[in-house]
């Protein structure tokens, strides 16, 4: 099958066609020609792509699915549809399901259950069995079964020795260990960022120290053990500074920030709307500015959706009883553009979600040039995502200024 994308603007800093308006011809699930006024004979011309921007397919570096165990919150199919609607062709899904994704059969089951979807699911296996932080899971077995990385998600990696062993074990493998930047034992009942708003609303605080303490511990263990450490969920200025210093010292460290922490602040929790009860929590404007600075200068490698869909029972209750998390995968790009509509920020978004994410998960190169796979996202710099495909009821209402228009992954075309 031949497909022609007419008159599209290439947004891909790594492409020789970056910034050019061209026609793109796809044939046999790959880019076969790029140029002006290409011959459309025998091709399906996607007129809905005309005038849109195109980049390599976006990858969401961290998302969650209710299936298995909480299908009322999200199923594989609803997550795939939501991700495609948000412009993503790949999603890295966390292991915090029921049962936990802590063995090769669980990884293989994920791949089998999601084959044929317009989005590729990248399975992240757990570092410890059942996320209990005690016994290391069979990481090599999971890696050979298709896992791309390892994390204990919000359970974090409580025992320093377990993190040391995991880093050493994975040091010679094409993978990395993710550690969530949160020391829960410092604030076991924490409900919101430690600041004037949490104080005024009587909410138990989550201090910045809970993040920096865990990051400093993990970085020291990494300096000793080696391997590749990924710090998940930076939310504070102190956290950004710590990662920046570690990179300057030559440590093999990467980091991500959730879209909510780039877009929202502690001011959003006024009124006790539990949609904005997140982990890491929404923090101060000073922290938000530091996160943007860290993301734009490359200290923070990725921006992720941190998608965490919930049902009504988990969120329609008083703040202290509500679960942490927001459903964010469909609106992430529009929110990002609203806060920073600059061309520099647009290029940084594409670099992060199209290239840095592929490097982190060892997925190979994907650029807008002849011979590369048909793995594309088409998007617009205005408007907002319409409708909702995620089952999550906990979608923030921040203003959007941009939207995904469609995705192409092999022979799968969504939205065009």
Protein backbone atom coordinates (compact mmCIF):
# COMPACT_ATOMS: atom_id res chain seq x y z
CA UNK A 1 0.00 0.00 0.00
CA UNK A 2 1.24 3.46 -0.95
CA UNK A 3 0.28 6.52 1.10
CA UNK A 4 1.03 10.15 0.28
CA UNK A 5 1.19 12.87 2.90
CA UNK A 6 0.85 16.08 0.88
CA UNK A 7 2.45 19.39 1.79
CA UNK A 8 3.49 18.67 5.38
CA UNK A 9 6.00 20.65 7.45
CA UNK A 10 8.82 18.48 8.80
CA UNK A 11 9.54 19.12 12.47
CA UNK A 12 12.52 16.91 13.25
CA UNK A 13 15.86 18.47 14.27
CA UNK A 14 17.67 15.29 13.18
CA UNK A 15 16.15 15.19 9.71
CA UNK A 16 17.84 16.66 6.61
CA UNK A 17 14.38 18.00 5.76
CA UNK A 18 13.84 19.80 9.08
CA UNK A 19 11.80 22.97 8.61
CA UNK A 20 10.87 22.11 5.00
CA UNK A 21 7.36 21.73 3.60
CA UNK A 22 7.37 18.55 1.51
CA UNK A 23 5.36 15.60 0.29
CA UNK A 24 6.13 12.27 1.97
CA UNK A 25 5.45 8.99 0.21
CA UNK A 26 5.08 5.84 2.30
CA UNK A 27 5.38 2.41 0.74
CA UNK A 28 5.72 -1.02 2.36
CA UNK A 29 5.59 0.55 5.84
CA UNK A 30 8.59 2.82 5.19
CA UNK A 31 9.35 6.29 3.79
CA UNK A 32 10.10 5.76 0.09
CA UNK A 33 10.33 9.36 -1.15
CA UNK A 34 10.41 12.93 0.14
CA UNK A 35 10.13 15.96 -2.13
CA UNK A 36 7.88 18.50 -3.80
CA UNK A 37 4.90 17.53 -5.93
CA UNK A 38 5.56 13.80 -5.70
CA UNK A 39 3.70 11.51 -8.11
CA UNK A 40 0.61 10.25 -6.32
CA UNK A 41 -0.23 7.54 -8.86
CA UNK A 42 -1.52 4.46 -7.08
CA UNK A 43 -1.25 6.11 -3.66
CA UNK A 44 -3.90 6.93 -1.09
CA UNK A 45 -3.59 10.69 -0.61
CA UNK A 46 -4.28 11.70 2.99
CA UNK A 47 -5.66 15.21 2.45
CA UNK A 48 -6.30 15.56 6.18
CA UNK A 49 -2.52 15.68 6.62
CA UNK A 50 -2.10 18.67 4.32
CA UNK A 51 -0.59 21.67 6.07
CA UNK A 52 0.13 19.76 9.27
CA UNK A 53 3.44 19.29 11.01
CA UNK A 54 5.05 15.86 10.99
CA UNK A 55 7.70 14.30 13.20
CA UNK A 56 8.90 10.82 14.06
CA UNK A 57 6.27 9.02 16.16
CA UNK A 58 6.12 10.21 19.74
CA UNK A 59 6.97 7.88 22.61
CA UNK A 60 5.44 8.27 26.05
CA UNK A 61 8.15 7.26 28.49
CA UNK A 62 5.85 6.48 31.43
CA UNK A 63 2.16 5.59 31.59
CA UNK A 64 -0.06 3.18 33.50
CA UNK A 65 -2.90 0.91 32.49
CA UNK A 66 -5.56 -0.55 34.76
CA UNK A 67 -5.42 -3.87 32.93
CA UNK A 68 -4.88 -6.37 34.42
CA UNK A 69 -6.67 -5.94 37.73
CA UNK A 70 -8.38 -2.56 37.36
CA UNK A 71 -10.01 -2.63 33.95
CA UNK A 72 -12.63 -0.19 35.23
CA UNK A 73 -9.88 2.45 35.18
CA UNK A 74 -8.27 1.63 31.83
CA UNK A 75 -7.98 -1.29 29.43
CA UNK A 76 -5.23 -1.97 26.94
CA UNK A 77 -7.57 -0.94 24.14
CA UNK A 78 -8.72 2.31 25.76
CA UNK A 79 -5.11 3.21 26.60
CA UNK A 80 -4.02 2.52 23.02
CA UNK A 81 -6.81 4.71 21.65
CA UNK A 82 -6.05 7.48 24.14
CA UNK A 83 -2.33 7.34 23.38
CA UNK A 84 -2.89 7.50 19.62
CA UNK A 85 -5.33 10.39 20.14
CA UNK A 86 -2.54 12.14 22.05
CA UNK A 87 -0.05 11.59 19.23
CA UNK A 88 1.93 8.66 20.65
CA UNK A 89 2.92 5.62 18.63
CA UNK A 90 4.66 3.89 21.56
CA UNK A 91 3.94 3.87 25.29
CA UNK A 92 6.13 2.53 28.08
CA UNK A 93 3.78 1.02 30.64
CA UNK A 94 4.65 0.60 34.30
CA UNK A 95 4.56 -2.77 36.08
CA UNK A 96 2.22 -1.71 38.90
CA UNK A 97 -0.73 -3.84 37.80
CA UNK A 98 -2.49 -6.73 39.52
CA UNK A 99 -0.71 -9.08 39.26
CA UNK A 100 2.54 -7.13 39.11
CA UNK A 101 4.45 -7.42 35.84
CA UNK A 102 7.45 -9.09 37.46
CA UNK A 103 8.15 -12.12 35.24
CA UNK A 104 8.71 -13.03 31.61
CA UNK A 105 5.20 -14.49 31.11
CA UNK A 106 3.73 -11.15 32.22
CA UNK A 107 5.88 -9.26 29.71
CA UNK A 108 4.98 -11.67 26.92
CA UNK A 109 1.31 -11.52 27.86
CA UNK A 110 1.38 -7.72 27.49
CA UNK A 111 2.84 -8.02 24.00
CA UNK A 112 0.37 -10.69 22.95
CA UNK A 113 -2.61 -8.80 24.35
CA UNK A 114 -1.72 -5.56 22.56
CA UNK A 115 -0.54 -6.88 19.19
CA UNK A 116 -2.40 -5.31 16.31
CA UNK A 117 -3.09 -2.04 18.14
CA UNK A 118 -2.08 1.27 16.48
CA UNK A 119 0.30 1.88 19.40
CA UNK A 120 3.19 -0.33 20.48
CA UNK A 121 3.27 -1.15 24.19
CA UNK A 122 6.73 -1.18 25.77
CA UNK A 123 6.73 -3.32 28.89
CA UNK A 124 8.63 -2.10 31.95
CA UNK A 125 9.27 -4.94 34.37
CA UNK A 126 9.49 -4.60 38.14
CA UNK A 127 12.86 -4.42 39.89
CA UNK A 128 11.58 -6.47 42.83
CA UNK A 129 9.11 -9.32 42.95
CA UNK A 130 5.58 -8.09 43.57
CA UNK A 131 6.98 -4.56 44.10
CA UNK A 132 7.81 -5.56 47.66
CA UNK A 133 11.37 -4.26 47.53
CA UNK A 134 12.86 -7.44 48.93
CA UNK A 135 13.85 -9.95 46.25
CA UNK A 136 15.14 -8.92 42.83
CA UNK A 137 13.02 -10.05 39.91
CA UNK A 138 14.40 -12.11 37.01
CA UNK A 139 15.41 -9.10 34.97
CA UNK A 140 17.42 -10.91 32.30
CA UNK A 141 14.55 -13.29 31.67
CA UNK A 142 12.15 -10.37 31.31
CA UNK A 143 14.58 -8.50 29.06
CA UNK A 144 14.83 -11.50 26.76
CA UNK A 145 11.02 -11.64 26.78
CA UNK A 146 10.73 -8.05 25.55
CA UNK A 147 11.00 -5.76 28.60
CA UNK A 148 12.67 -2.40 27.91
CA UNK A 149 13.50 -1.24 31.45
CA UNK A 150 12.87 -1.93 35.13
CA UNK A 151 11.12 0.06 37.84
CA UNK A 152 9.18 -0.40 41.06
CA UNK A 153 7.09 2.65 40.09
CA UNK A 154 5.74 4.58 43.10
CA UNK A 155 6.74 1.74 45.42
CA UNK A 156 10.23 2.99 44.63
CA UNK A 157 13.31 0.94 45.58
CA UNK A 158 13.35 1.15 49.35
CA UNK A 159 16.42 -0.93 50.14
CA UNK A 160 19.77 0.54 49.07
CA UNK A 161 21.29 -2.90 48.57
CA UNK A 162 18.55 -3.88 46.12
CA UNK A 163 19.25 -0.80 44.00
CA UNK A 164 22.97 -1.57 44.09
CA UNK A 165 22.41 -5.15 42.96
CA UNK A 166 19.97 -4.13 40.23
CA UNK A 167 22.35 -1.53 38.80
CA UNK A 168 25.27 -3.94 38.86
CA UNK A 169 23.21 -6.75 37.32
CA UNK A 170 21.93 -4.55 34.50
CA UNK A 171 25.20 -2.71 33.87
CA UNK A 172 26.17 -4.84 30.85
CA UNK A 173 22.63 -5.17 29.48
CA UNK A 174 20.84 -2.87 27.00
CA UNK A 175 18.52 -1.50 29.66
CA UNK A 176 18.37 0.74 32.71
CA UNK A 177 16.97 0.95 36.24
CA UNK A 178 14.33 3.57 37.03
CA UNK A 179 13.99 4.97 40.52
CA UNK A 180 11.08 7.18 41.54
CA UNK A 181 12.41 10.30 43.26
CA UNK A 182 10.47 10.06 46.51
CA UNK A 183 11.42 9.06 50.04
CA UNK A 184 8.03 8.09 51.42
CA UNK A 185 9.34 7.31 54.90
CA UNK A 186 10.04 11.01 55.36
CA UNK A 187 6.36 11.89 54.89
CA UNK A 188 4.29 8.68 55.05
CA UNK A 189 1.01 10.59 55.28
CA UNK A 190 1.95 13.40 52.86
CA UNK A 191 -0.89 14.81 50.77
CA UNK A 192 0.45 17.90 48.97
CA UNK A 193 3.55 20.03 48.42
CA UNK A 194 4.89 21.57 51.60
CA UNK A 195 4.01 25.22 51.12
CA UNK A 196 1.56 27.93 52.12
CA UNK A 197 -1.37 26.42 50.26
CA UNK A 198 -1.08 22.98 51.86
CA UNK A 199 -0.69 24.72 55.22
CA UNK A 200 -3.78 26.89 54.68
CA UNK A 201 -5.84 23.86 53.66
CA UNK A 202 -4.64 21.67 56.50
CA UNK A 203 -3.00 19.07 54.26
CA UNK A 204 -0.12 16.92 55.44
CA UNK A 205 3.02 18.12 53.61
CA UNK A 206 5.32 16.43 51.11
CA UNK A 207 8.55 18.44 51.44
CA UNK A 208 11.09 18.93 48.66
CA UNK A 209 13.48 17.08 50.94
CA UNK A 210 11.58 13.85 50.24
CA UNK A 211 12.74 14.12 46.63
CA UNK A 212 16.29 15.40 47.08
CA UNK A 213 17.03 12.90 49.86
CA UNK A 214 16.11 9.94 47.66
CA UNK A 215 17.93 11.36 44.63
CA UNK A 216 21.15 11.93 46.59
CA UNK A 217 20.99 8.39 47.96
CA UNK A 218 20.41 6.89 44.53
CA UNK A 219 23.15 8.94 42.88
CA UNK A 220 25.67 7.87 45.52
CA UNK A 221 24.73 4.21 45.05
CA UNK A 222 24.97 4.64 41.29
CA UNK A 223 28.43 6.20 41.53
CA UNK A 224 29.49 3.06 43.40
CA UNK A 225 27.60 0.41 41.44
CA UNK A 226 27.66 1.71 37.86
CA UNK A 227 25.04 0.89 35.26
CA UNK A 228 22.42 3.33 33.96
CA UNK A 229 20.18 5.04 36.52
CA UNK A 230 17.06 6.88 35.43
CA UNK A 231 15.51 9.30 37.93
CA UNK A 232 11.75 9.29 37.39
CA UNK A 233 9.51 12.18 38.33
CA UNK A 234 11.65 15.22 39.03
CA UNK A 235 9.52 17.95 40.57
CA UNK A 236 11.85 20.26 42.52
CA UNK A 237 14.63 22.75 41.87
CA UNK A 238 16.87 20.76 44.21
CA UNK A 239 16.24 17.61 42.19
CA UNK A 240 17.19 19.35 38.95
CA UNK A 241 20.41 20.65 40.51
CA UNK A 242 21.35 17.18 41.77
CA UNK A 243 20.88 15.56 38.35
CA UNK A 244 22.76 18.40 36.64
CA UNK A 245 25.71 17.94 38.99
CA UNK A 246 25.73 14.15 38.48
CA UNK A 247 25.79 14.53 34.71
CA UNK A 248 28.62 17.08 34.97
CA UNK A 249 30.60 14.48 36.89
CA UNK A 250 30.13 11.97 34.09
CA UNK A 251 27.59 9.66 35.71
CA UNK A 252 25.37 7.68 33.34
CA UNK A 253 22.17 9.22 34.63
CA UNK A 254 18.99 10.32 32.89
CA UNK A 255 15.80 11.87 34.21
CA UNK A 256 12.23 12.74 33.30
CA UNK A 257 9.56 15.21 34.34
CA UNK A 258 5.82 14.60 34.28
CA UNK A 259 3.82 16.95 32.08
CA UNK A 260 1.71 17.96 35.09
CA UNK A 261 4.76 19.37 36.89
CA UNK A 262 5.68 21.47 33.85
CA UNK A 263 2.14 22.79 33.55
CA UNK A 264 0.62 22.96 37.03
CA UNK A 265 1.59 24.37 40.42
CA UNK A 266 0.42 24.05 44.00
CA UNK A 267 -2.13 26.79 43.27
CA UNK A 268 -4.20 24.20 41.39
CA UNK A 269 -5.08 22.33 44.58
CA UNK A 270 -7.04 25.28 46.01
CA UNK A 271 -10.61 24.05 46.34
CA UNK A 272 -9.61 20.42 47.01
CA UNK A 273 -10.20 19.18 43.45
CA UNK A 274 -8.71 15.68 43.75
CA UNK A 275 -7.91 15.62 40.03
CA UNK A 276 -4.83 17.59 41.04
CA UNK A 277 -3.75 15.27 43.83
CA UNK A 278 -0.61 13.93 42.20
CA UNK A 279 2.62 12.17 43.06
CA UNK A 280 5.01 13.88 42.74
CA UNK A 281 2.80 16.71 43.94
CA UNK A 282 2.31 19.96 42.08
CA UNK A 283 4.94 22.25 43.55
CA UNK A 284 5.83 25.95 43.67
CA UNK A 285 6.23 28.31 40.72
CA UNK A 286 9.96 28.44 41.51
CA UNK A 287 10.16 24.67 41.17
CA UNK A 288 8.20 24.82 37.91
CA UNK A 289 10.63 27.40 36.51
CA UNK A 290 13.60 25.22 37.49
CA UNK A 291 11.99 22.22 35.79
CA UNK A 292 11.52 24.15 32.56
CA UNK A 293 15.10 25.38 32.69
CA UNK A 294 16.34 21.84 33.33
CA UNK A 295 14.24 20.42 30.51
CA UNK A 296 15.27 23.05 28.00
CA UNK A 297 18.98 22.74 28.74
CA UNK A 298 18.90 18.93 28.57
CA UNK A 299 19.45 18.20 32.24
CA UNK A 300 16.03 16.52 32.15
CA UNK A 301 15.97 14.14 29.20
CA UNK A 302 12.27 13.35 28.83
CA UNK A 303 8.85 14.79 29.37
CA UNK A 304 6.36 11.99 30.10
CA UNK A 305 2.60 11.89 30.49
CA UNK A 306 2.80 9.97 33.78
CA UNK A 307 -0.72 8.89 32.80
CA UNK A 308 -2.56 7.42 35.80
CA UNK A 309 -6.26 6.93 35.01
CA UNK A 310 -8.69 6.44 37.89
CA UNK A 311 -12.35 5.58 38.27
CA UNK A 312 -14.94 7.66 40.13
CA UNK A 313 -14.59 5.70 43.35
CA UNK A 314 -10.87 6.49 43.54
CA UNK A 315 -11.26 10.24 43.00
CA UNK A 316 -14.78 11.35 43.92
CA UNK A 317 -14.11 11.52 47.63
CA UNK A 318 -12.43 13.75 50.19
CA UNK A 319 -8.81 14.69 49.50
CA UNK A 320 -7.25 12.48 52.14
CA UNK A 321 -8.95 9.35 50.79
CA UNK A 322 -8.43 10.04 47.08
CA UNK A 323 -5.78 8.20 45.08
CA UNK A 324 -2.84 10.06 43.58
CA UNK A 325 -2.71 10.52 39.81
CA UNK A 326 -4.23 12.16 36.74
CA UNK A 327 -5.19 10.96 33.26
CA UNK A 328 -2.95 13.01 30.98
CA UNK A 329 -1.90 11.18 27.84
CA UNK A 330 -4.35 12.79 25.42
CA UNK A 331 -3.78 16.45 26.33
CA UNK A 332 -0.04 16.47 27.16
CA UNK A 333 1.13 18.21 23.99
CA UNK A 334 -1.56 20.90 24.07
CA UNK A 335 -0.81 21.74 27.71
CA UNK A 336 2.91 21.89 26.96
CA UNK A 337 2.37 24.30 24.08
CA UNK A 338 0.10 26.53 26.14
CA UNK A 339 2.78 27.09 28.77
CA UNK A 340 5.67 27.50 26.32
CA UNK A 341 4.65 28.14 22.69
CA UNK A 342 8.18 29.02 21.51
CA UNK A 343 9.80 27.35 18.53
CA UNK A 344 12.70 26.30 20.73
CA UNK A 345 10.30 24.50 23.08
CA UNK A 346 8.60 22.79 20.14
CA UNK A 347 11.92 21.44 18.89
CA UNK A 348 12.80 20.33 22.41
CA UNK A 349 9.49 18.45 22.68
CA UNK A 350 10.18 16.55 19.46
CA UNK A 351 13.76 15.81 20.49
CA UNK A 352 12.57 14.46 23.85
CA UNK A 353 9.58 12.34 22.83
CA UNK A 354 10.86 11.23 19.42
CA UNK A 355 14.61 10.82 19.93
CA UNK A 356 15.61 10.85 23.61
CA UNK A 357 12.89 8.36 24.47
CA UNK A 358 14.01 6.02 21.70
CA UNK A 359 17.59 6.21 22.93
CA UNK A 360 16.54 5.52 26.52
CA UNK A 361 14.57 2.42 25.56
CA UNK A 362 17.05 1.21 22.89
CA UNK A 363 14.50 1.37 20.08
CA UNK A 364 16.86 2.48 17.31
CA UNK A 365 16.83 5.63 15.21
CA UNK A 366 13.75 7.07 13.56
CA UNK A 367 14.13 10.21 11.47
CA UNK A 368 12.17 11.86 8.67
CA UNK A 369 14.26 10.59 5.76
CA UNK A 370 14.00 8.03 3.01
CA UNK A 371 14.34 4.45 4.18
CA UNK A 372 13.13 5.01 7.73
CA UNK A 373 10.06 3.18 9.10
CA UNK A 374 6.58 4.59 8.73
CA UNK A 375 6.40 5.72 12.35
CA UNK A 376 5.00 9.26 12.32
CA UNK A 377 2.98 11.76 14.31
CA UNK A 378 1.09 14.58 12.60
CA UNK A 379 0.06 17.55 14.71
CA UNK A 380 -1.16 21.14 14.75
CA UNK A 381 -0.03 24.16 16.78
CA UNK A 382 -3.51 25.32 17.67
CA UNK A 383 -6.75 23.92 19.00
CA UNK A 384 -7.09 21.22 21.61
CA UNK A 385 -7.67 17.50 21.81
CA UNK A 386 -11.37 16.80 21.31
CA UNK A 387 -13.31 14.01 22.92
CA UNK A 388 -11.84 11.49 25.33
CA UNK A 389 -10.74 7.92 24.75
CA UNK A 390 -9.21 7.17 28.15
CA UNK A 391 -11.59 5.72 30.73
CA UNK A 392 -9.97 7.87 33.42
CA UNK A 393 -12.29 10.39 35.08
CA UNK A 394 -9.37 12.40 36.47
CA UNK A 395 -8.41 14.66 33.54
CA UNK A 396 -7.09 18.13 34.48
CA UNK A 397 -8.71 21.09 32.75
CA UNK A 398 -5.61 23.15 31.94
CA UNK A 399 -5.86 25.18 28.71
CA UNK A 400 -4.44 23.60 25.55
CA UNK A 401 -2.75 25.23 22.57
CA UNK A 402 -2.08 22.43 20.11
CA UNK A 403 -3.15 18.89 19.34
CA UNK A 404 -2.15 15.69 17.66
CA UNK A 405 -3.95 15.16 14.35
CA UNK A 406 -3.04 11.56 13.63
CA UNK A 407 -0.45 8.81 13.81
CA UNK A 408 0.99 6.28 11.39
CA UNK A 409 2.67 3.11 12.63
CA UNK A 410 3.44 0.68 9.85
CA UNK A 411 0.15 0.04 8.09
CA UNK A 412 -1.91 1.39 11.02
CA UNK A 413 -3.32 4.88 10.44
CA UNK A 414 -5.18 6.63 13.25
CA UNK A 415 -7.08 9.91 13.12
CA UNK A 416 -6.31 10.84 9.51
